[in-house]
N, C-alpha and C. Protein backbone atom coordinates (compact mmCIF):
# COMPACT_ATOMS: atom_id res chain seq x y z
N MET A 1 2.51 16.56 -20.22
CA MET A 1 2.22 16.27 -18.51
C MET A 1 1.60 17.50 -17.48
N LYS A 2 0.38 16.74 -17.11
CA LYS A 2 -0.02 17.61 -16.17
C LYS A 2 1.01 18.06 -14.95
N THR A 3 0.85 19.18 -14.20
CA THR A 3 1.34 19.58 -12.95
C THR A 3 0.98 19.55 -12.05
N VAL A 4 1.26 18.74 -10.57
CA VAL A 4 0.45 18.29 -9.24
C VAL A 4 1.46 18.59 -8.29
N LYS A 5 0.59 18.58 -7.17
CA LYS A 5 1.57 18.40 -6.14
C LYS A 5 2.08 17.02 -6.07
N PRO A 6 3.57 17.42 -5.65
CA PRO A 6 4.18 15.91 -5.69
C PRO A 6 3.53 14.97 -4.20
N VAL A 7 3.69 13.89 -4.52
CA VAL A 7 2.89 12.82 -3.71
C VAL A 7 4.11 11.57 -3.83
N ARG A 8 5.11 11.28 -2.68
CA ARG A 8 5.73 10.30 -2.58
C ARG A 8 5.21 9.31 -1.95
N ILE A 9 4.77 7.98 -2.06
CA ILE A 9 4.12 7.03 -1.95
C ILE A 9 5.07 5.77 -1.59
N PHE A 10 5.43 5.11 -0.30
CA PHE A 10 6.66 3.89 -0.09
C PHE A 10 5.13 2.78 0.31
N MET A 11 5.54 2.05 -0.25
CA MET A 11 5.01 0.17 -0.09
C MET A 11 5.78 -0.68 0.18
N THR A 12 5.04 -1.44 1.37
CA THR A 12 5.72 -2.71 1.60
C THR A 12 5.06 -3.90 2.33
N GLY A 13 5.32 -4.43 2.46
CA GLY A 13 4.91 -5.81 2.36
C GLY A 13 5.83 -7.52 2.15
N VAL A 14 5.25 -8.06 2.37
CA VAL A 14 6.05 -9.64 1.84
C VAL A 14 5.58 -10.32 0.66
N GLY A 15 6.34 -11.01 0.00
CA GLY A 15 5.98 -11.65 -1.20
C GLY A 15 4.68 -12.71 -1.01
N GLY A 16 4.05 -12.38 -2.28
CA GLY A 16 2.46 -12.80 -2.52
C GLY A 16 1.66 -11.87 -1.98
N GLN A 17 1.71 -11.23 -1.31
CA GLN A 17 0.56 -10.16 -1.08
C GLN A 17 -0.05 -9.01 -1.99
N GLY A 18 1.28 -8.80 -2.99
CA GLY A 18 0.84 -7.92 -4.27
C GLY A 18 1.02 -6.52 -4.13
N THR A 19 2.26 -6.25 -3.88
CA THR A 19 2.75 -4.84 -3.25
C THR A 19 3.25 -4.09 -4.54
N LEU A 20 3.80 -5.48 -5.34
CA LEU A 20 4.25 -4.54 -6.46
C LEU A 20 3.39 -4.21 -7.52
N THR A 21 2.43 -5.39 -7.52
CA THR A 21 0.95 -5.57 -8.31
C THR A 21 0.12 -4.05 -7.71
N ALA A 22 0.18 -3.39 -6.60
CA ALA A 22 -0.26 -2.08 -5.98
C ALA A 22 -0.28 -1.47 -6.74
N THR A 23 1.36 -1.44 -6.45
CA THR A 23 2.47 0.19 -7.10
C THR A 23 2.48 -0.34 -8.88
N THR A 24 2.22 -0.83 -9.43
CA THR A 24 1.76 -0.58 -10.69
C THR A 24 0.46 -0.41 -11.01
N ILE A 25 -0.47 -0.79 -10.55
CA ILE A 25 -2.02 -0.59 -10.58
C ILE A 25 -2.25 1.38 -10.19
N LEU A 26 -1.46 1.36 -9.17
CA LEU A 26 -1.36 2.71 -8.73
C LEU A 26 -0.69 3.73 -10.14
N ALA A 27 0.23 2.87 -10.66
CA ALA A 27 1.24 4.11 -11.51
C ALA A 27 0.47 3.73 -12.86
N GLN A 28 -0.75 3.25 -12.90
CA GLN A 28 -1.30 2.95 -14.39
C GLN A 28 -2.56 4.09 -13.91
N ALA A 29 -2.92 4.13 -12.65
CA ALA A 29 -4.40 5.17 -12.85
C ALA A 29 -3.37 6.76 -13.04
N ALA A 30 -1.93 6.79 -12.14
CA ALA A 30 -1.99 8.33 -12.66
C ALA A 30 -1.72 8.26 -13.91
N THR A 31 -1.12 7.58 -14.99
CA THR A 31 -0.60 7.76 -15.99
C THR A 31 -2.09 7.78 -16.99
N LEU A 32 -3.16 7.34 -16.40
CA LEU A 32 -4.64 7.44 -17.05
C LEU A 32 -4.88 8.68 -16.76
N LYS A 33 -4.48 8.95 -15.80
CA LYS A 33 -4.81 11.07 -15.62
C LYS A 33 -3.49 12.23 -16.25
N GLY A 34 -2.67 11.17 -16.97
CA GLY A 34 -1.95 12.20 -17.67
C GLY A 34 -0.73 13.03 -16.42
N LEU A 35 -0.69 12.31 -15.66
CA LEU A 35 0.16 12.66 -14.67
C LEU A 35 1.81 12.31 -14.36
N PRO A 36 2.54 13.15 -14.46
CA PRO A 36 4.14 12.55 -14.15
C PRO A 36 3.96 11.16 -12.90
N VAL A 37 4.44 9.91 -13.37
CA VAL A 37 4.88 9.09 -12.65
C VAL A 37 6.10 8.13 -12.36
N THR A 38 6.76 8.16 -11.42
CA THR A 38 8.08 7.15 -11.29
C THR A 38 7.66 6.16 -10.29
N SER A 39 8.12 4.71 -10.43
CA SER A 39 7.69 4.14 -10.05
C SER A 39 9.08 2.84 -9.98
N GLY A 40 9.13 2.54 -8.78
CA GLY A 40 10.40 1.11 -8.83
C GLY A 40 10.39 0.12 -7.74
N GLU A 41 11.38 -0.88 -7.70
CA GLU A 41 11.56 -1.48 -6.27
C GLU A 41 12.91 -0.92 -5.54
N ILE A 42 12.85 -0.71 -4.51
CA ILE A 42 14.13 -0.71 -3.34
C ILE A 42 14.49 -2.20 -3.15
N HIS A 43 13.90 -2.97 -2.84
CA HIS A 43 14.34 -4.39 -3.00
C HIS A 43 13.77 -5.44 -4.23
N GLY A 44 14.62 -6.25 -4.51
CA GLY A 44 14.27 -6.62 -5.62
C GLY A 44 13.11 -8.03 -5.05
N MET A 45 12.32 -8.35 -6.53
CA MET A 45 11.41 -9.17 -6.09
C MET A 45 11.32 -10.43 -5.05
N ALA A 46 10.92 -10.14 -4.21
CA ALA A 46 11.19 -11.51 -3.19
C ALA A 46 10.27 -12.05 -3.56
N GLN A 47 10.79 -14.00 -3.40
CA GLN A 47 10.32 -15.23 -2.88
C GLN A 47 8.85 -14.75 -2.23
N ARG A 48 7.95 -15.77 -2.26
CA ARG A 48 7.19 -15.93 -1.05
C ARG A 48 7.82 -15.50 -0.11
N GLY A 49 7.38 -14.57 0.91
CA GLY A 49 7.44 -14.61 2.06
C GLY A 49 8.47 -13.67 2.52
N GLY A 50 9.08 -13.57 1.69
CA GLY A 50 10.18 -12.33 1.63
C GLY A 50 9.68 -10.87 1.59
N VAL A 51 10.65 -9.98 2.03
CA VAL A 51 10.37 -8.84 2.35
C VAL A 51 10.25 -7.79 1.32
N VAL A 52 9.16 -7.01 0.59
CA VAL A 52 8.66 -6.62 -0.85
C VAL A 52 8.78 -5.15 -0.66
N GLU A 53 9.56 -4.14 -1.06
CA GLU A 53 9.84 -2.73 -0.62
C GLU A 53 9.22 -2.22 -1.95
N SER A 54 8.79 -1.10 -2.23
CA SER A 54 8.59 -0.49 -3.86
C SER A 54 8.04 0.89 -3.25
N PHE A 55 8.25 1.85 -4.66
CA PHE A 55 8.29 3.28 -4.16
C PHE A 55 7.16 3.78 -5.85
N LEU A 56 6.13 4.66 -5.13
CA LEU A 56 5.60 5.60 -6.52
C LEU A 56 5.61 7.16 -5.89
N LEU A 57 6.19 7.61 -7.01
CA LEU A 57 6.30 9.22 -7.19
C LEU A 57 5.56 9.77 -8.08
N ILE A 58 4.14 10.68 -7.58
CA ILE A 58 3.39 11.15 -9.00
C ILE A 58 3.89 12.62 -8.79
N GLY A 59 4.08 13.66 -9.97
CA GLY A 59 4.83 14.76 -9.79
C GLY A 59 6.01 14.99 -9.04
N CYS A 60 6.97 13.99 -8.98
CA CYS A 60 8.06 14.76 -7.70
C CYS A 60 9.36 14.63 -9.05
N LYS A 61 10.47 14.99 -8.71
CA LYS A 61 11.62 15.73 -9.60
C LYS A 61 13.10 14.32 -9.37
N SER A 62 12.85 14.12 -8.09
CA SER A 62 13.73 12.76 -7.58
C SER A 62 13.17 11.82 -8.34
N PRO A 63 13.76 11.17 -9.03
CA PRO A 63 13.63 9.38 -9.21
C PRO A 63 13.49 8.19 -8.18
N LYS A 64 13.87 8.86 -6.80
CA LYS A 64 14.21 8.02 -6.05
C LYS A 64 13.35 8.36 -4.36
N ILE A 65 13.39 7.80 -3.49
CA ILE A 65 12.45 8.50 -1.85
C ILE A 65 13.82 7.63 -1.18
N GLY A 66 13.76 8.72 0.00
CA GLY A 66 14.86 8.69 0.74
C GLY A 66 14.33 8.70 2.58
N LEU A 67 15.03 7.92 3.11
CA LEU A 67 14.43 7.97 4.17
C LEU A 67 13.80 9.39 4.62
N GLY A 68 12.42 9.83 5.33
CA GLY A 68 11.59 10.61 6.06
C GLY A 68 11.04 11.43 4.85
N GLU A 69 11.15 10.83 3.49
CA GLU A 69 10.22 11.59 2.59
C GLU A 69 8.90 11.11 2.13
N ALA A 70 8.59 9.78 2.62
CA ALA A 70 7.37 9.69 2.11
C ALA A 70 6.19 10.33 2.58
N ASP A 71 5.25 10.72 1.90
CA ASP A 71 4.40 11.37 2.14
C ASP A 71 3.20 10.14 2.57
N ILE A 72 3.31 9.05 2.03
CA ILE A 72 2.31 8.36 2.23
C ILE A 72 2.96 6.97 2.58
N LEU A 73 2.80 5.84 3.41
CA LEU A 73 3.49 4.81 4.06
C LEU A 73 2.40 3.58 3.80
N MET A 74 2.31 2.72 2.91
CA MET A 74 1.44 1.88 2.52
C MET A 74 2.37 0.42 3.15
N GLY A 75 1.32 -0.25 4.22
CA GLY A 75 2.12 -1.45 5.16
C GLY A 75 1.22 -2.35 4.44
N PHE A 76 1.27 -3.64 3.86
CA PHE A 76 0.47 -4.77 3.46
C PHE A 76 0.59 -5.87 4.47
N GLU A 77 1.48 -5.63 5.42
CA GLU A 77 1.74 -6.61 6.57
C GLU A 77 1.90 -5.56 7.61
N PRO A 78 1.33 -5.63 8.58
CA PRO A 78 1.73 -4.40 10.05
C PRO A 78 3.50 -4.48 10.26
N LEU A 79 4.00 -5.62 10.47
CA LEU A 79 5.34 -5.32 10.97
C LEU A 79 6.42 -5.37 9.90
N GLU A 80 6.01 -5.11 8.79
CA GLU A 80 6.83 -4.11 7.52
C GLU A 80 6.36 -2.62 7.50
N THR A 81 5.36 -2.52 8.35
CA THR A 81 4.37 -1.08 8.57
C THR A 81 5.84 -0.49 9.72
N LEU A 82 5.75 -1.37 10.34
CA LEU A 82 7.14 -0.88 11.73
C LEU A 82 8.44 -0.94 10.85
N ARG A 83 8.23 -1.68 10.25
CA ARG A 83 10.19 -1.71 10.04
C ARG A 83 10.27 -0.38 8.79
N ALA A 84 9.21 -0.03 8.57
CA ALA A 84 8.97 1.18 7.23
C ALA A 84 9.15 2.52 7.84
N LEU A 85 8.92 2.39 8.38
CA LEU A 85 8.29 3.98 9.53
C LEU A 85 9.25 4.90 9.45
N PRO A 86 10.67 5.00 8.88
CA PRO A 86 11.85 5.35 9.21
C PRO A 86 11.55 6.23 7.70
N TYR A 87 10.94 5.68 7.02
CA TYR A 87 10.52 6.28 5.30
C TYR A 87 9.52 7.55 5.62
N LEU A 88 8.44 7.30 6.46
CA LEU A 88 8.07 7.89 6.47
C LEU A 88 8.24 10.06 7.15
N LYS A 89 7.86 10.71 6.29
CA LYS A 89 7.94 11.63 6.81
C LYS A 89 7.57 12.40 7.60
N THR A 90 7.26 13.31 8.82
CA THR A 90 6.42 13.71 10.03
C THR A 90 5.56 14.33 9.46
N GLY A 91 4.29 13.49 10.41
CA GLY A 91 3.16 13.96 10.08
C GLY A 91 2.58 13.58 8.83
N GLY A 92 3.12 12.68 8.05
CA GLY A 92 2.87 11.83 6.64
C GLY A 92 1.42 10.97 6.92
N LEU A 93 1.16 10.28 5.95
CA LEU A 93 -0.05 9.29 6.13
C LEU A 93 0.22 7.61 6.27
N VAL A 94 -0.03 6.93 7.24
CA VAL A 94 0.54 5.22 7.40
C VAL A 94 -1.20 4.41 6.99
N LEU A 95 -1.36 4.40 5.86
CA LEU A 95 -2.14 2.97 5.92
C LEU A 95 -1.69 1.48 6.09
N SER A 96 -2.17 0.53 6.80
CA SER A 96 -1.40 -0.40 7.50
C SER A 96 -2.51 -1.81 7.39
N SER A 97 -2.29 -2.84 7.32
CA SER A 97 -2.93 -3.51 7.22
C SER A 97 -2.59 -4.45 8.89
N THR A 98 -3.95 -4.65 9.39
CA THR A 98 -3.90 -5.51 10.76
C THR A 98 -3.72 -6.82 11.13
N GLU A 99 -3.43 -7.73 9.67
CA GLU A 99 -3.37 -8.52 9.92
C GLU A 99 -1.84 -9.70 9.18
N PHE A 100 -1.38 -9.97 10.31
CA PHE A 100 0.22 -10.36 10.26
C PHE A 100 0.49 -11.78 9.48
N LEU A 101 0.83 -11.93 8.60
CA LEU A 101 2.07 -12.81 7.72
C LEU A 101 3.89 -12.96 8.56
N PRO A 102 3.77 -13.33 9.43
CA PRO A 102 4.79 -13.28 10.42
C PRO A 102 5.90 -13.98 9.68
N PRO A 103 7.16 -13.58 9.78
CA PRO A 103 8.55 -14.28 9.02
C PRO A 103 8.66 -15.47 9.20
N LEU A 104 9.75 -16.45 9.25
CA LEU A 104 10.07 -17.82 9.26
C LEU A 104 10.01 -17.37 11.11
N SER A 105 11.31 -16.78 11.03
CA SER A 105 12.18 -16.58 12.22
C SER A 105 10.89 -16.23 13.32
N VAL A 106 9.73 -15.66 13.20
CA VAL A 106 8.82 -15.37 14.22
C VAL A 106 8.14 -16.64 14.54
N ALA A 107 7.40 -17.25 13.19
CA ALA A 107 6.28 -17.89 13.15
C ALA A 107 7.59 -19.75 14.13
N MET A 108 8.74 -19.46 13.69
CA MET A 108 9.50 -20.62 14.62
C MET A 108 9.37 -20.41 16.13
N GLY A 109 9.45 -18.98 16.20
CA GLY A 109 9.16 -19.07 18.06
C GLY A 109 10.78 -18.13 18.22
N LYS A 110 11.65 -18.03 16.88
CA LYS A 110 12.71 -17.85 17.24
C LYS A 110 13.29 -16.21 17.58
N GLN A 111 11.95 -15.04 17.13
CA GLN A 111 11.83 -14.34 17.39
C GLN A 111 10.85 -13.58 17.85
N PRO A 112 10.49 -12.29 18.76
CA PRO A 112 9.49 -12.01 19.42
C PRO A 112 8.81 -11.04 17.96
N CYS A 113 7.65 -11.13 18.11
CA CYS A 113 6.88 -9.99 17.45
C CYS A 113 6.00 -9.37 18.27
N PRO A 114 5.80 -7.81 18.15
CA PRO A 114 5.12 -7.14 18.34
C PRO A 114 3.78 -7.57 18.42
N ASP A 115 3.07 -6.79 19.10
CA ASP A 115 1.46 -7.27 19.03
C ASP A 115 0.97 -5.58 18.26
N ILE A 116 -0.15 -6.32 17.16
CA ILE A 116 -0.86 -4.96 16.94
C ILE A 116 -0.72 -3.40 17.47
N GLN A 117 -1.70 -3.96 18.81
CA GLN A 117 -1.52 -2.37 19.46
C GLN A 117 0.02 -1.37 19.38
N ALA A 118 0.67 -2.40 20.01
CA ALA A 118 2.23 -2.19 19.81
C ALA A 118 2.97 -0.98 18.74
N ILE A 119 2.07 -1.96 17.39
CA ILE A 119 3.02 -1.21 16.02
C ILE A 119 2.15 0.44 15.92
N ARG A 120 0.43 0.20 16.23
CA ARG A 120 -0.35 1.20 15.98
C ARG A 120 0.77 2.38 17.27
N ASP A 121 0.74 2.17 18.24
CA ASP A 121 1.25 3.28 18.74
C ASP A 121 2.67 3.65 18.89
N LYS A 122 3.43 3.08 18.16
CA LYS A 122 4.72 3.19 17.27
C LYS A 122 4.02 4.01 16.33
N VAL A 123 3.21 3.71 15.40
CA VAL A 123 3.27 4.95 14.25
C VAL A 123 2.30 6.17 15.09
N ALA A 124 1.38 5.87 16.00
CA ALA A 124 0.81 7.53 16.43
C ALA A 124 2.27 8.40 16.89
N ALA A 125 3.31 7.57 17.05
CA ALA A 125 4.27 8.69 18.01
C ALA A 125 4.69 9.12 16.55
N CYS A 126 4.86 9.00 15.47
CA CYS A 126 5.22 9.60 14.09
C CYS A 126 4.09 10.38 13.32
N THR A 127 2.77 9.72 13.73
CA THR A 127 1.95 10.77 12.70
C THR A 127 0.62 10.41 13.63
N LYS A 128 -0.31 11.59 13.06
CA LYS A 128 -2.14 11.26 13.98
C LYS A 128 -2.50 10.71 12.71
N ARG A 129 -1.65 10.39 11.55
CA ARG A 129 -3.17 10.34 10.69
C ARG A 129 -2.43 8.74 9.92
N SER A 130 -3.42 7.94 9.93
CA SER A 130 -3.14 6.59 10.11
C SER A 130 -4.49 5.60 9.74
N ALA A 131 -4.77 4.78 9.10
CA ALA A 131 -5.86 3.64 8.85
C ALA A 131 -5.22 2.12 8.67
N TRP A 132 -6.18 1.60 10.15
CA TRP A 132 -5.69 0.30 9.92
C TRP A 132 -7.08 -0.71 9.27
N LEU A 133 -6.37 -1.83 8.49
CA LEU A 133 -7.58 -2.60 7.92
C LEU A 133 -7.06 -3.61 8.16
N PRO A 134 -8.10 -4.87 8.30
CA PRO A 134 -8.10 -6.10 8.11
C PRO A 134 -7.83 -6.72 6.36
N CYS A 135 -6.72 -6.72 5.92
CA CYS A 135 -6.81 -6.28 4.48
C CYS A 135 -6.86 -7.90 4.18
N GLN A 136 -6.29 -9.04 4.49
CA GLN A 136 -6.47 -10.18 4.01
C GLN A 136 -8.15 -10.79 4.25
N SER A 137 -8.96 -10.21 4.98
CA SER A 137 -10.53 -10.52 5.42
C SER A 137 -11.15 -9.82 4.45
N LEU A 138 -10.71 -8.72 3.94
CA LEU A 138 -11.41 -7.94 3.21
C LEU A 138 -11.29 -8.39 2.01
N GLY A 139 -9.60 -8.79 1.50
CA GLY A 139 -9.47 -9.73 -0.06
C GLY A 139 -10.68 -10.64 0.20
N LEU A 140 -10.80 -11.59 1.34
CA LEU A 140 -11.02 -12.93 1.40
C LEU A 140 -13.15 -12.82 0.82
N LYS A 141 -13.20 -11.13 1.67
CA LYS A 141 -14.99 -10.99 1.40
C LYS A 141 -15.06 -10.62 -0.07
N ALA A 142 -13.87 -10.21 -0.76
CA ALA A 142 -14.02 -9.50 -2.24
C ALA A 142 -14.24 -10.94 -3.20
N GLY A 143 -13.35 -12.07 -2.56
CA GLY A 143 -13.30 -13.45 -3.59
C GLY A 143 -12.10 -14.02 -3.47
N ALA A 144 -11.12 -12.99 -2.80
CA ALA A 144 -9.80 -14.00 -3.32
C ALA A 144 -8.47 -12.83 -2.29
N VAL A 145 -7.97 -13.92 -1.52
CA VAL A 145 -7.40 -12.82 0.00
C VAL A 145 -6.02 -12.40 -0.69
N GLN A 146 -5.39 -12.75 -1.91
CA GLN A 146 -4.60 -11.81 -2.66
C GLN A 146 -5.28 -10.44 -3.11
N ALA A 147 -6.44 -10.10 -3.27
CA ALA A 147 -7.29 -8.74 -3.72
C ALA A 147 -6.94 -7.82 -2.38
N GLY A 148 -6.77 -8.10 -1.41
CA GLY A 148 -6.28 -7.33 0.35
C GLY A 148 -5.46 -5.91 -0.45
N ASN A 149 -4.47 -6.10 -1.13
CA ASN A 149 -3.53 -5.20 -1.38
C ASN A 149 -4.43 -4.59 -2.12
N ILE A 150 -5.57 -4.30 -2.66
CA ILE A 150 -6.84 -3.67 -3.59
C ILE A 150 -7.32 -3.08 -2.49
N ALA A 151 -7.62 -3.90 -1.25
CA ALA A 151 -8.52 -3.54 -0.49
C ALA A 151 -7.66 -1.48 0.09
N LEU A 152 -6.53 -2.12 0.42
CA LEU A 152 -5.81 -0.86 1.12
C LEU A 152 -5.13 0.14 -0.14
N LEU A 153 -5.72 -0.28 -1.13
CA LEU A 153 -5.82 1.28 -2.32
C LEU A 153 -7.07 1.87 -2.45
N GLY A 154 -8.17 1.10 -1.86
CA GLY A 154 -9.08 1.65 -1.95
C GLY A 154 -9.48 2.48 -0.33
N ALA A 155 -8.96 2.38 0.67
CA ALA A 155 -8.49 3.25 1.79
C ALA A 155 -8.23 4.06 1.39
N LEU A 156 -6.95 4.28 0.56
CA LEU A 156 -5.91 5.18 0.39
C LEU A 156 -6.88 6.67 -0.52
N CYS A 157 -7.86 6.03 -1.72
CA CYS A 157 -8.57 6.53 -2.37
C CYS A 157 -10.00 7.60 -1.17
N ALA A 158 -9.79 6.69 -0.73
CA ALA A 158 -11.34 7.46 0.29
C ALA A 158 -10.81 8.19 1.11
N MET A 159 -9.20 8.22 1.46
CA MET A 159 -8.91 9.41 2.62
C MET A 159 -8.38 10.51 1.32
N ASP A 160 -8.47 10.80 0.26
CA ASP A 160 -8.49 11.71 -0.48
C ASP A 160 -6.39 12.70 -0.19
N ALA A 161 -5.76 11.19 -0.43
CA ALA A 161 -4.51 11.84 -0.61
C ALA A 161 -4.09 11.23 -1.89
N LEU A 162 -5.04 11.34 -2.71
CA LEU A 162 -3.80 11.36 -4.31
C LEU A 162 -4.58 12.47 -4.80
N PRO A 163 -3.75 12.77 -6.13
CA PRO A 163 -4.55 13.17 -7.08
C PRO A 163 -5.21 13.04 -8.27
N PHE A 164 -5.69 11.47 -7.34
CA PHE A 164 -6.78 11.27 -8.54
C PHE A 164 -7.62 10.70 -7.63
N GLY A 165 -8.94 9.74 -7.89
CA GLY A 165 -9.98 9.03 -7.06
C GLY A 165 -10.08 8.10 -7.41
N LYS A 166 -11.22 7.11 -6.71
CA LYS A 166 -11.12 5.97 -6.76
C LYS A 166 -11.58 5.67 -8.05
N GLU A 167 -12.23 6.13 -9.23
CA GLU A 167 -12.56 5.52 -10.17
C GLU A 167 -11.32 5.49 -10.92
N ALA A 168 -10.11 6.25 -11.03
CA ALA A 168 -9.17 6.39 -11.66
C ALA A 168 -8.35 4.81 -11.52
N VAL A 169 -8.53 4.61 -9.99
CA VAL A 169 -7.92 3.30 -9.79
C VAL A 169 -8.48 2.02 -10.41
N ALA A 170 -9.65 2.24 -10.34
CA ALA A 170 -11.15 1.35 -11.35
C ALA A 170 -10.94 1.23 -12.38
N ASP A 171 -10.33 2.03 -13.34
CA ASP A 171 -9.94 2.38 -14.54
C ASP A 171 -8.83 1.40 -14.55
N ALA A 172 -7.78 2.03 -13.93
CA ALA A 172 -6.28 0.49 -14.08
C ALA A 172 -7.08 -0.39 -13.74
N LEU A 173 -6.97 -0.93 -12.87
CA LEU A 173 -7.81 -2.52 -12.35
C LEU A 173 -8.52 -2.86 -13.90
N ARG A 174 -9.25 -2.12 -14.60
CA ARG A 174 -9.65 -2.67 -15.81
C ARG A 174 -9.13 -3.25 -16.85
N ALA A 175 -8.44 -2.09 -16.69
CA ALA A 175 -7.64 -1.96 -18.31
C ALA A 175 -5.86 -2.78 -18.03
N GLY A 176 -5.61 -3.66 -16.66
CA GLY A 176 -4.20 -4.00 -16.73
C GLY A 176 -4.80 -5.65 -16.11
N LEU A 177 -5.98 -6.05 -15.88
CA LEU A 177 -6.43 -7.06 -15.52
C LEU A 177 -7.29 -7.61 -16.05
N LYS A 178 -7.04 -9.21 -16.10
CA LYS A 178 -8.44 -10.39 -16.87
C LYS A 178 -9.86 -9.67 -16.03
N PRO A 179 -10.74 -9.76 -16.80
CA PRO A 179 -11.80 -9.42 -16.65
C PRO A 179 -12.58 -10.13 -15.37
N LYS A 180 -12.33 -10.98 -14.76
CA LYS A 180 -12.93 -11.90 -13.59
C LYS A 180 -11.73 -11.55 -12.50
N VAL A 181 -10.95 -11.27 -12.60
CA VAL A 181 -9.50 -10.73 -11.57
C VAL A 181 -9.94 -9.41 -11.54
N ALA A 182 -10.44 -8.89 -12.13
CA ALA A 182 -10.51 -6.75 -12.22
C ALA A 182 -11.75 -7.56 -11.37
N GLU A 183 -13.03 -8.18 -11.47
CA GLU A 183 -14.42 -8.01 -11.21
C GLU A 183 -14.09 -8.05 -9.40
N ILE A 184 -13.43 -9.38 -8.72
CA ILE A 184 -12.87 -9.69 -7.64
C ILE A 184 -12.09 -8.13 -7.05
N ASN A 185 -11.11 -7.73 -7.74
CA ASN A 185 -10.36 -6.43 -7.36
C ASN A 185 -11.14 -5.16 -7.11
N LEU A 186 -12.11 -5.05 -7.94
CA LEU A 186 -12.93 -3.60 -7.74
C LEU A 186 -13.85 -4.03 -7.18
N LYS A 187 -14.28 -5.40 -6.43
CA LYS A 187 -14.74 -5.35 -4.67
C LYS A 187 -14.05 -4.97 -4.05
N ALA A 188 -12.64 -5.59 -3.88
CA ALA A 188 -11.92 -5.03 -2.92
C ALA A 188 -12.00 -3.93 -2.72
N LEU A 189 -11.70 -3.21 -3.68
CA LEU A 189 -11.82 -1.41 -3.97
C LEU A 189 -12.41 -0.65 -3.43
N GLU A 190 -13.58 -1.42 -3.65
CA GLU A 190 -14.93 -0.69 -2.57
C GLU A 190 -15.16 -1.20 -1.04
N LEU A 191 -14.35 -2.60 -0.84
CA LEU A 191 -14.62 -2.63 0.42
C LEU A 191 -13.66 -2.38 1.28
N GLY A 192 -12.56 -2.12 0.56
CA GLY A 192 -11.51 -1.02 1.11
C GLY A 192 -11.72 0.62 1.77
N ALA A 193 -12.85 1.26 0.86
CA ALA A 193 -13.03 2.23 0.40
C ALA A 193 -14.04 2.02 1.79
N ALA A 194 -14.97 1.75 1.73
CA ALA A 194 -15.59 1.99 2.67
C ALA A 194 -15.41 1.58 4.40
N ALA A 195 -14.26 0.58 4.38
CA ALA A 195 -13.50 0.30 5.91
C ALA A 195 -13.19 1.86 6.35
N ALA A 196 -12.47 2.75 5.16
CA ALA A 196 -11.81 3.83 5.70
C ALA A 196 -12.63 4.93 6.18
N ALA A 197 -13.85 4.35 5.34
CA ALA A 197 -14.65 6.12 5.41
C ALA A 197 -14.81 6.17 7.09
């Protein structure tokens, strides 16, 4: 195994957005590059619409991620990005979707939901390093709304925050997905990278 500067990534979203798939793809990309990697779920796999949180540790000795330890926070839903901010280390990198999939309590009007600018302001109070993408829209443009998770991975690759590049993620997509699904996700990867560049 190669030695590498440790990278701790915390991912969060809601069920059905592909949070765990994105974690698996990044882990496969790291493995293909011969890097030591650990991944796991912090909350169990949620039903569609429930909160999903996972982590990916590249080159780390600790098998877990704690509050204030994430080098990178990836939020596939902006409200979940806000909720996960305590995991981000000071000055860490935030990548988030700008498009909401509100929880049932918000959709029914029982609880308020902050607007995207309020969320961006709270992120800006924690770090100057962030990127915001319309992930669902980019997924649809690629061919499937579910590919929005891979668009966010493309943005991450474009920001040079990983010990490997976009091609390693593309290789993992080709290796782990059926050809037709991989083709859509490869488009999403490119769209996300272009949106963050």
